[in-house]
Amino acid sequence: MRVLIVDDESSVRFLLRRVFEGAGYDVVEAHHGAAALARVADDYPDVVVTDMMMPVMGGAELIAHLRADPGTASIPIVVVTAELAFASHVADAVLPKPLKVGELLEAVRSLAGSEG
């Protein structure tokens, strides 16, 4: 199963990559929403894990683009953010920062319908 991690902080992407690869997932990364849209075209993910506050294109705009395209509208989206109020109505799951790894893995497994 492939997870797309979208976050402008390289340290967060590194941590999430380690978590998901350790759980047996394939991982692709993007440093903002616009880059994520390009990655989706090349490496269609089973789940998108994104931050909300990013330069160039934030998580809300990324989610709007994904939901508006019939080819990507059904991709499950997990938002990991400190700004929970901004994300609760646009994502399939919202997890607060600081992140609890077990909760993140459970959300992704549940949404993707897989054990990883």
N, C-alpha and C. Protein backbone atom coordinates (compact mmCIF):
# COMPACT_ATOMS: atom_id res chain seq x y z
N MET A 1 0.85 -1.17 0.00
CA MET A 1 0.00 0.00 0.00
C MET A 1 0.90 1.24 0.00
N ARG A 2 0.48 2.25 -0.73
CA ARG A 2 1.28 3.48 -0.88
C ARG A 2 0.63 4.63 -0.11
N VAL A 3 1.46 5.33 0.67
CA VAL A 3 1.04 6.51 1.42
C VAL A 3 1.79 7.72 0.87
N LEU A 4 1.06 8.79 0.59
CA LEU A 4 1.66 10.05 0.19
C LEU A 4 1.69 10.96 1.41
N ILE A 5 2.90 11.38 1.81
CA ILE A 5 3.10 12.29 2.94
C ILE A 5 3.31 13.68 2.39
N VAL A 6 2.51 14.64 2.87
CA VAL A 6 2.62 16.02 2.39
C VAL A 6 2.85 16.93 3.59
N ASP A 7 4.05 17.49 3.68
CA ASP A 7 4.38 18.40 4.78
C ASP A 7 5.58 19.23 4.35
N ASP A 8 5.57 20.51 4.70
CA ASP A 8 6.67 21.39 4.31
C ASP A 8 7.90 21.22 5.19
N GLU A 9 7.78 20.54 6.29
CA GLU A 9 8.92 20.33 7.19
C GLU A 9 9.57 18.98 6.88
N SER A 10 10.83 19.04 6.43
CA SER A 10 11.52 17.80 6.05
C SER A 10 11.66 16.84 7.23
N SER A 11 11.81 17.37 8.44
CA SER A 11 11.94 16.49 9.60
C SER A 11 10.65 15.72 9.86
N VAL A 12 9.51 16.34 9.63
CA VAL A 12 8.22 15.66 9.80
C VAL A 12 8.07 14.58 8.73
N ARG A 13 8.40 14.93 7.47
CA ARG A 13 8.33 13.93 6.41
C ARG A 13 9.24 12.75 6.71
N PHE A 14 10.44 13.02 7.20
CA PHE A 14 11.39 11.96 7.55
C PHE A 14 10.80 11.04 8.63
N LEU A 15 10.27 11.63 9.68
CA LEU A 15 9.68 10.85 10.76
C LEU A 15 8.52 10.00 10.26
N LEU A 16 7.62 10.61 9.49
CA LEU A 16 6.47 9.86 8.99
C LEU A 16 6.90 8.77 8.02
N ARG A 17 7.90 9.04 7.20
CA ARG A 17 8.43 8.01 6.29
C ARG A 17 8.91 6.81 7.11
N ARG A 18 9.68 7.07 8.16
CA ARG A 18 10.20 5.98 9.00
C ARG A 18 9.06 5.18 9.62
N VAL A 19 8.04 5.87 10.11
CA VAL A 19 6.90 5.19 10.72
C VAL A 19 6.20 4.29 9.72
N PHE A 20 5.88 4.85 8.55
CA PHE A 20 5.13 4.07 7.56
C PHE A 20 5.96 2.95 6.94
N GLU A 21 7.23 3.22 6.62
CA GLU A 21 8.06 2.16 6.07
C GLU A 21 8.26 1.05 7.09
N GLY A 22 8.39 1.42 8.36
CA GLY A 22 8.51 0.43 9.42
C GLY A 22 7.28 -0.45 9.56
N ALA A 23 6.13 0.09 9.14
CA ALA A 23 4.88 -0.66 9.19
C ALA A 23 4.59 -1.37 7.87
N GLY A 24 5.53 -1.29 6.93
CA GLY A 24 5.38 -2.04 5.68
C GLY A 24 4.76 -1.29 4.52
N TYR A 25 4.61 0.01 4.62
CA TYR A 25 4.01 0.80 3.55
C TYR A 25 5.06 1.32 2.58
N ASP A 26 4.67 1.51 1.32
CA ASP A 26 5.47 2.27 0.37
C ASP A 26 5.16 3.74 0.61
N VAL A 27 6.16 4.59 0.53
CA VAL A 27 5.98 6.00 0.86
C VAL A 27 6.47 6.87 -0.29
N VAL A 28 5.67 7.89 -0.62
CA VAL A 28 6.10 8.97 -1.50
C VAL A 28 5.88 10.26 -0.72
N GLU A 29 6.65 11.29 -1.07
CA GLU A 29 6.61 12.54 -0.31
C GLU A 29 6.40 13.74 -1.23
N ALA A 30 5.85 14.79 -0.63
CA ALA A 30 5.74 16.09 -1.30
C ALA A 30 5.88 17.16 -0.24
N HIS A 31 6.48 18.29 -0.61
CA HIS A 31 6.74 19.35 0.37
C HIS A 31 5.69 20.45 0.39
N HIS A 32 4.67 20.35 -0.45
CA HIS A 32 3.50 21.23 -0.40
C HIS A 32 2.42 20.65 -1.30
N GLY A 33 1.26 21.27 -1.28
CA GLY A 33 0.12 20.71 -2.02
C GLY A 33 0.32 20.61 -3.51
N ALA A 34 0.93 21.61 -4.12
CA ALA A 34 1.14 21.57 -5.58
C ALA A 34 2.05 20.41 -5.96
N ALA A 35 3.10 20.19 -5.18
CA ALA A 35 3.98 19.06 -5.44
C ALA A 35 3.23 17.74 -5.21
N ALA A 36 2.33 17.73 -4.26
CA ALA A 36 1.54 16.52 -3.99
C ALA A 36 0.65 16.17 -5.17
N LEU A 37 0.05 17.17 -5.79
CA LEU A 37 -0.79 16.90 -6.96
C LEU A 37 0.02 16.27 -8.08
N ALA A 38 1.24 16.72 -8.27
CA ALA A 38 2.11 16.13 -9.28
C ALA A 38 2.45 14.69 -8.91
N ARG A 39 2.70 14.44 -7.63
CA ARG A 39 3.03 13.08 -7.18
C ARG A 39 1.85 12.14 -7.35
N VAL A 40 0.64 12.63 -7.10
CA VAL A 40 -0.55 11.79 -7.24
C VAL A 40 -0.67 11.30 -8.69
N ALA A 41 -0.33 12.17 -9.63
CA ALA A 41 -0.40 11.80 -11.04
C ALA A 41 0.59 10.68 -11.38
N ASP A 42 1.76 10.70 -10.74
CA ASP A 42 2.81 9.71 -11.03
C ASP A 42 2.74 8.48 -10.14
N ASP A 43 2.40 8.66 -8.88
CA ASP A 43 2.42 7.60 -7.88
C ASP A 43 1.10 7.60 -7.12
N TYR A 44 0.03 7.12 -7.75
CA TYR A 44 -1.30 7.17 -7.14
C TYR A 44 -1.28 6.51 -5.76
N PRO A 45 -1.57 7.30 -4.70
CA PRO A 45 -1.51 6.74 -3.35
C PRO A 45 -2.82 6.07 -2.92
N ASP A 46 -2.71 5.19 -1.95
CA ASP A 46 -3.90 4.60 -1.33
C ASP A 46 -4.45 5.52 -0.26
N VAL A 47 -3.58 6.33 0.35
CA VAL A 47 -3.95 7.28 1.39
C VAL A 47 -3.02 8.49 1.29
N VAL A 48 -3.58 9.68 1.55
CA VAL A 48 -2.79 10.92 1.64
C VAL A 48 -2.77 11.35 3.10
N VAL A 49 -1.58 11.62 3.63
CA VAL A 49 -1.41 12.16 4.97
C VAL A 49 -0.81 13.55 4.79
N THR A 50 -1.56 14.58 5.19
CA THR A 50 -1.11 15.94 4.91
C THR A 50 -1.22 16.88 6.10
N ASP A 51 -0.34 17.85 6.10
CA ASP A 51 -0.43 18.98 7.01
C ASP A 51 -1.39 19.98 6.37
N MET A 52 -1.82 20.98 7.10
CA MET A 52 -2.70 22.00 6.55
C MET A 52 -1.94 23.27 6.17
N MET A 53 -1.05 23.71 7.04
CA MET A 53 -0.36 24.97 6.85
C MET A 53 0.97 24.74 6.13
N MET A 54 0.99 25.07 4.81
CA MET A 54 2.20 24.90 4.00
C MET A 54 2.27 26.05 3.00
N PRO A 55 3.49 26.39 2.55
CA PRO A 55 3.61 27.41 1.51
C PRO A 55 3.20 26.84 0.15
N VAL A 56 3.06 27.69 -0.81
CA VAL A 56 2.70 27.39 -2.20
C VAL A 56 1.26 26.92 -2.30
N MET A 57 0.94 25.78 -1.71
CA MET A 57 -0.44 25.29 -1.66
C MET A 57 -0.61 24.53 -0.35
N GLY A 58 -1.53 24.99 0.47
CA GLY A 58 -1.78 24.36 1.76
C GLY A 58 -2.66 23.13 1.63
N GLY A 59 -2.89 22.49 2.77
CA GLY A 59 -3.67 21.27 2.80
C GLY A 59 -5.12 21.43 2.37
N ALA A 60 -5.74 22.53 2.74
CA ALA A 60 -7.15 22.73 2.37
C ALA A 60 -7.31 22.81 0.86
N GLU A 61 -6.41 23.54 0.20
CA GLU A 61 -6.48 23.66 -1.26
C GLU A 61 -6.15 22.32 -1.92
N LEU A 62 -5.16 21.61 -1.39
CA LEU A 62 -4.84 20.28 -1.90
C LEU A 62 -6.05 19.37 -1.82
N ILE A 63 -6.69 19.34 -0.66
CA ILE A 63 -7.86 18.48 -0.48
C ILE A 63 -8.97 18.88 -1.44
N ALA A 64 -9.19 20.18 -1.62
CA ALA A 64 -10.23 20.65 -2.55
C ALA A 64 -9.94 20.14 -3.97
N HIS A 65 -8.68 20.22 -4.40
CA HIS A 65 -8.31 19.73 -5.74
C HIS A 65 -8.54 18.22 -5.85
N LEU A 66 -8.12 17.48 -4.84
CA LEU A 66 -8.29 16.02 -4.87
C LEU A 66 -9.76 15.64 -4.90
N ARG A 67 -10.57 16.31 -4.11
CA ARG A 67 -12.01 15.98 -4.04
C ARG A 67 -12.75 16.40 -5.31
N ALA A 68 -12.27 17.42 -5.99
CA ALA A 68 -12.94 17.91 -7.20
C ALA A 68 -12.67 17.05 -8.43
N ASP A 69 -11.62 16.25 -8.40
CA ASP A 69 -11.25 15.40 -9.53
C ASP A 69 -11.84 14.01 -9.32
N PRO A 70 -12.70 13.55 -10.24
CA PRO A 70 -13.29 12.22 -10.06
C PRO A 70 -12.25 11.10 -9.95
N GLY A 71 -11.08 11.29 -10.52
CA GLY A 71 -10.04 10.28 -10.45
C GLY A 71 -9.36 10.17 -9.10
N THR A 72 -9.46 11.23 -8.28
CA THR A 72 -8.81 11.23 -6.96
C THR A 72 -9.77 11.49 -5.81
N ALA A 73 -11.03 11.70 -6.12
CA ALA A 73 -12.01 12.09 -5.09
C ALA A 73 -12.17 11.05 -3.99
N SER A 74 -11.90 9.80 -4.29
CA SER A 74 -12.13 8.76 -3.28
C SER A 74 -10.88 8.41 -2.48
N ILE A 75 -9.75 9.05 -2.75
CA ILE A 75 -8.55 8.76 -1.97
C ILE A 75 -8.78 9.22 -0.53
N PRO A 76 -8.61 8.34 0.45
CA PRO A 76 -8.77 8.76 1.84
C PRO A 76 -7.68 9.77 2.23
N ILE A 77 -8.07 10.75 3.03
CA ILE A 77 -7.16 11.81 3.44
C ILE A 77 -7.13 11.90 4.95
N VAL A 78 -5.91 11.88 5.50
CA VAL A 78 -5.69 12.07 6.93
C VAL A 78 -4.94 13.39 7.09
N VAL A 79 -5.48 14.27 7.90
CA VAL A 79 -4.83 15.54 8.19
C VAL A 79 -4.16 15.43 9.55
N VAL A 80 -2.89 15.84 9.60
CA VAL A 80 -2.14 15.91 10.85
C VAL A 80 -1.80 17.38 11.04
N THR A 81 -2.41 18.01 12.05
CA THR A 81 -2.26 19.46 12.18
C THR A 81 -2.47 19.92 13.61
N ALA A 82 -1.92 21.07 13.90
CA ALA A 82 -2.17 21.72 15.18
C ALA A 82 -3.45 22.55 15.12
N GLU A 83 -3.94 22.80 13.92
CA GLU A 83 -5.14 23.62 13.70
C GLU A 83 -6.34 22.73 13.39
N LEU A 84 -6.83 22.02 14.37
CA LEU A 84 -7.89 21.04 14.16
C LEU A 84 -9.17 21.64 13.58
N ALA A 85 -9.53 22.83 13.96
CA ALA A 85 -10.78 23.44 13.51
C ALA A 85 -10.80 23.63 12.00
N PHE A 86 -9.64 23.87 11.41
CA PHE A 86 -9.58 24.12 9.97
C PHE A 86 -9.73 22.85 9.14
N ALA A 87 -9.52 21.71 9.73
CA ALA A 87 -9.46 20.47 8.95
C ALA A 87 -10.63 19.53 9.18
N SER A 88 -11.39 19.70 10.22
CA SER A 88 -12.35 18.68 10.62
C SER A 88 -13.45 18.43 9.59
N HIS A 89 -13.74 19.38 8.74
CA HIS A 89 -14.83 19.20 7.79
C HIS A 89 -14.37 18.78 6.40
N VAL A 90 -13.06 18.65 6.16
CA VAL A 90 -12.59 18.38 4.81
C VAL A 90 -11.84 17.05 4.68
N ALA A 91 -11.49 16.43 5.78
CA ALA A 91 -10.68 15.21 5.73
C ALA A 91 -11.46 14.01 6.25
N ASP A 92 -10.97 12.84 5.92
CA ASP A 92 -11.59 11.61 6.42
C ASP A 92 -11.22 11.34 7.87
N ALA A 93 -10.04 11.83 8.27
CA ALA A 93 -9.59 11.73 9.66
C ALA A 93 -8.69 12.92 9.95
N VAL A 94 -8.77 13.41 11.18
CA VAL A 94 -7.93 14.53 11.61
C VAL A 94 -7.27 14.14 12.91
N LEU A 95 -5.94 14.27 12.94
CA LEU A 95 -5.18 13.92 14.13
C LEU A 95 -4.39 15.14 14.58
N PRO A 96 -4.35 15.36 15.88
CA PRO A 96 -3.66 16.55 16.39
C PRO A 96 -2.15 16.36 16.47
N LYS A 97 -1.45 17.48 16.33
CA LYS A 97 -0.02 17.52 16.67
C LYS A 97 0.06 17.96 18.11
N PRO A 98 0.93 17.40 18.93
CA PRO A 98 1.91 16.37 18.60
C PRO A 98 1.23 15.04 18.28
N LEU A 99 1.80 14.34 17.37
CA LEU A 99 1.23 13.14 16.79
C LEU A 99 1.49 11.91 17.66
N LYS A 100 0.49 11.06 17.72
CA LYS A 100 0.63 9.75 18.36
C LYS A 100 0.70 8.73 17.23
N VAL A 101 1.83 8.07 17.10
CA VAL A 101 2.10 7.18 15.97
C VAL A 101 1.06 6.08 15.86
N GLY A 102 0.68 5.49 16.96
CA GLY A 102 -0.31 4.42 16.93
C GLY A 102 -1.64 4.89 16.36
N GLU A 103 -2.07 6.08 16.74
CA GLU A 103 -3.32 6.62 16.21
C GLU A 103 -3.23 6.87 14.71
N LEU A 104 -2.09 7.35 14.25
CA LEU A 104 -1.90 7.60 12.83
C LEU A 104 -1.95 6.30 12.04
N LEU A 105 -1.22 5.29 12.48
CA LEU A 105 -1.23 4.01 11.77
C LEU A 105 -2.62 3.39 11.77
N GLU A 106 -3.33 3.48 12.86
CA GLU A 106 -4.68 2.93 12.93
C GLU A 106 -5.62 3.67 11.97
N ALA A 107 -5.51 4.99 11.90
CA ALA A 107 -6.36 5.76 10.98
C ALA A 107 -6.08 5.37 9.54
N VAL A 108 -4.81 5.26 9.18
CA VAL A 108 -4.46 4.89 7.80
C VAL A 108 -4.92 3.48 7.48
N ARG A 109 -4.70 2.54 8.39
CA ARG A 109 -5.15 1.16 8.15
C ARG A 109 -6.67 1.11 7.99
N SER A 110 -7.37 1.81 8.83
CA SER A 110 -8.83 1.81 8.78
C SER A 110 -9.35 2.40 7.47
N LEU A 111 -8.80 3.53 7.07
CA LEU A 111 -9.26 4.19 5.86
C LEU A 111 -8.89 3.43 4.60
N ALA A 112 -7.74 2.80 4.60
CA ALA A 112 -7.28 2.08 3.42
C ALA A 112 -7.83 0.67 3.37
N GLY A 113 -8.42 0.21 4.47
CA GLY A 113 -9.00 -1.12 4.50
C GLY A 113 -7.95 -2.20 4.42
N SER A 114 -6.78 -1.94 5.04
CA SER A 114 -5.67 -2.88 4.96
C SER A 114 -4.95 -2.93 6.29
N GLU A 115 -4.22 -4.00 6.47
CA GLU A 115 -3.40 -4.13 7.66
C GLU A 115 -1.97 -3.67 7.42
N GLY A 116 -1.72 -2.99 6.26
CA GLY A 116 -0.40 -2.44 6.00
C GLY A 116 0.59 -3.32 5.39
